[in-house]
Each structure stands twice: as C-alpha cells, then as structure tokens.
Amino acid sequence: MHALDQVEQLLPQLSPAEKAHLLQRLARDIGHSYPGIERVPGVAGGEPCIVRTRIPVWVLAEARRLGASEADLLHWYPALRAEDLVNAWQYVDAHRDAIDAEIQENESA
C-alpha cells in the first residue's frame, strides 16, 4: 500500500481540528507559505500582514509580548478573526528572528 493510500484511509478518522492542522502543515510544506499571512509590495512596507488587512504580524506579536490578550487584539482590530491570530502565532513561531528584527527596526524608527 502506498503512503497516499494510507493517508486517504486515515482521513475519515481525523477530527475537523486535526484535518485543519494537517492542511496547514501541507500548505507550508508545499509552498513554504503560511495560510492567512501575505506580503504585498506597498502595504506596510512589504512586511508580512494578516490577509484582508494592513495589520503587520510583528504588531500583533509585540502587543502580545506587552500583555495584550487575544480578546484585546480582536477588540482593537475588528477586522481580525480568531483564525487570523492562530495563523499569526504560527508565523511568529516559525520566523521568530525576523519578527524580532521587525520589532527592533520599528522601535528605532
């Protein structure tokens, strides 16, 4: 049996959350990208932002470091969804050095 056949047999046994997690892992593996995060030239200096918004990921990361809760962020940024924060935290975890550099760069500006 091929690996793909095994995966197809296991899919019905996964919960929706497990399927979503698997989908995110596959998307990262295929495109080395992160769902819900995009870089658009001319928007926020080309820094990674939450899709549909101009909110840079580093802004959310810094707010969290300063003690903001997810509820605070969702209140302060009405365009954000809880799913956006999940995507942002995954991006931050995978790009910690780049996020730290963006925070430092913007603090010294």
Protein backbone atom coordinates (compact mmCIF):
# COMPACT_ATOMS: atom_id res chain seq x y z
CA MET A 1 0.00 0.00 0.00
CA HIS A 2 1.33 3.44 -0.94
CA ALA A 3 1.64 6.24 1.61
CA LEU A 4 -1.06 8.28 -0.13
CA ASP A 5 -3.50 5.36 0.08
CA GLN A 6 -2.76 5.08 3.81
CA VAL A 7 -3.38 8.78 4.33
CA GLU A 8 -6.68 8.58 2.45
CA GLN A 9 -7.80 5.72 4.68
CA LEU A 10 -6.91 7.67 7.83
CA LEU A 11 -8.62 10.94 6.85
CA PRO A 12 -12.16 9.91 7.89
CA GLN A 13 -10.80 9.09 11.37
CA LEU A 14 -9.43 12.60 11.94
CA SER A 15 -11.37 15.31 13.74
CA PRO A 16 -12.04 18.60 11.93
CA ALA A 17 -9.32 20.26 14.04
CA GLU A 18 -6.82 17.54 13.12
CA LYS A 19 -7.72 17.92 9.45
CA ALA A 20 -7.21 21.69 9.67
CA HIS A 21 -3.84 21.16 11.32
CA LEU A 22 -2.85 18.69 8.62
CA LEU A 23 -3.95 21.10 5.91
CA GLN A 24 -1.84 23.89 7.37
CA ARG A 25 1.20 21.61 7.55
CA LEU A 26 0.68 20.56 3.93
CA ALA A 27 0.30 24.16 2.76
CA ARG A 28 3.53 25.16 4.49
CA ASP A 29 5.35 22.13 3.12
CA ILE A 30 4.20 22.70 -0.45
CA GLY A 31 4.65 26.43 -0.72
CA HIS A 32 6.72 27.33 2.30
CA SER A 33 3.93 29.80 2.97
CA TYR A 34 1.59 30.37 5.85
CA PRO A 35 -2.18 30.48 5.37
CA GLY A 36 -3.64 33.84 6.21
CA ILE A 37 -0.32 35.69 6.00
CA GLU A 38 0.77 37.66 2.95
CA ARG A 39 3.38 40.14 1.82
CA VAL A 40 2.12 42.79 -0.57
CA PRO A 41 4.53 45.34 -2.02
CA GLY A 42 3.47 48.81 -0.94
CA VAL A 43 1.46 47.57 2.06
CA ALA A 44 3.11 48.00 5.47
CA GLY A 45 6.50 48.23 3.81
CA GLY A 46 6.08 44.75 2.37
CA GLU A 47 6.11 43.19 5.83
CA PRO A 48 4.04 40.05 6.46
CA CYS A 49 0.44 41.05 7.21
CA ILE A 50 -2.83 39.38 8.01
CA VAL A 51 -4.75 38.83 4.76
CA ARG A 52 -7.62 41.25 4.13
CA THR A 53 -5.91 43.78 6.41
CA ARG A 54 -2.88 46.02 6.65
CA ILE A 55 -2.01 44.65 10.09
CA PRO A 56 1.63 43.51 10.23
CA VAL A 57 2.28 40.29 12.10
CA TRP A 58 5.01 41.96 14.15
CA VAL A 59 2.45 44.43 15.57
CA LEU A 60 0.36 41.56 16.93
CA ALA A 61 3.45 39.77 18.26
CA GLU A 62 4.65 42.90 20.06
CA ALA A 63 1.20 43.57 21.51
CA ARG A 64 1.10 40.01 22.84
CA ARG A 65 4.58 40.42 24.37
CA LEU A 66 3.38 43.58 26.08
CA GLY A 67 0.49 41.70 27.68
CA ALA A 68 -2.41 42.06 25.26
CA SER A 69 -4.74 39.11 25.23
CA GLU A 70 -6.28 37.62 22.12
CA ALA A 71 -9.59 39.13 23.22
CA ASP A 72 -7.89 42.54 23.38
CA LEU A 73 -6.48 42.14 19.88
CA LEU A 74 -9.84 41.05 18.46
CA HIS A 75 -11.46 44.08 20.11
CA TRP A 76 -8.79 46.56 18.97
CA TYR A 77 -8.72 45.21 15.41
CA PRO A 78 -12.34 44.42 14.42
CA ALA A 79 -11.22 43.08 11.02
CA LEU A 80 -9.34 40.25 12.75
CA ARG A 81 -10.80 36.81 13.33
CA ALA A 82 -9.60 34.25 15.85
CA GLU A 83 -8.32 32.20 12.91
CA ASP A 84 -6.10 35.13 11.91
CA LEU A 85 -4.44 35.09 15.30
CA VAL A 86 -3.79 31.35 15.06
CA ASN A 87 -2.13 31.94 11.68
CA ALA A 88 -0.13 34.87 13.06
CA TRP A 89 1.19 32.88 16.04
CA GLN A 90 2.25 30.03 13.76
CA TYR A 91 4.06 32.51 11.54
CA VAL A 92 5.74 34.13 14.56
CA ASP A 93 6.86 30.73 15.87
CA ALA A 94 8.43 29.85 12.52
CA HIS A 95 10.02 33.28 11.92
CA ARG A 96 10.96 34.43 15.42
CA ASP A 97 14.25 36.10 14.37
CA ALA A 98 12.63 38.01 11.50
CA ILE A 99 9.76 39.17 13.74
CA ASP A 100 12.21 40.30 16.43
CA ALA A 101 14.17 42.23 13.79
CA GLU A 102 10.99 43.91 12.51
CA ILE A 103 10.05 44.90 16.05
CA GLN A 104 13.54 46.32 16.68
CA GLU A 105 13.52 48.18 13.35
CA ASN A 106 10.14 49.77 14.06
CA GLU A 107 11.06 50.67 17.65
CA SER A 108 14.14 52.54 16.49
CA ALA A 109 12.34 54.35 13.67
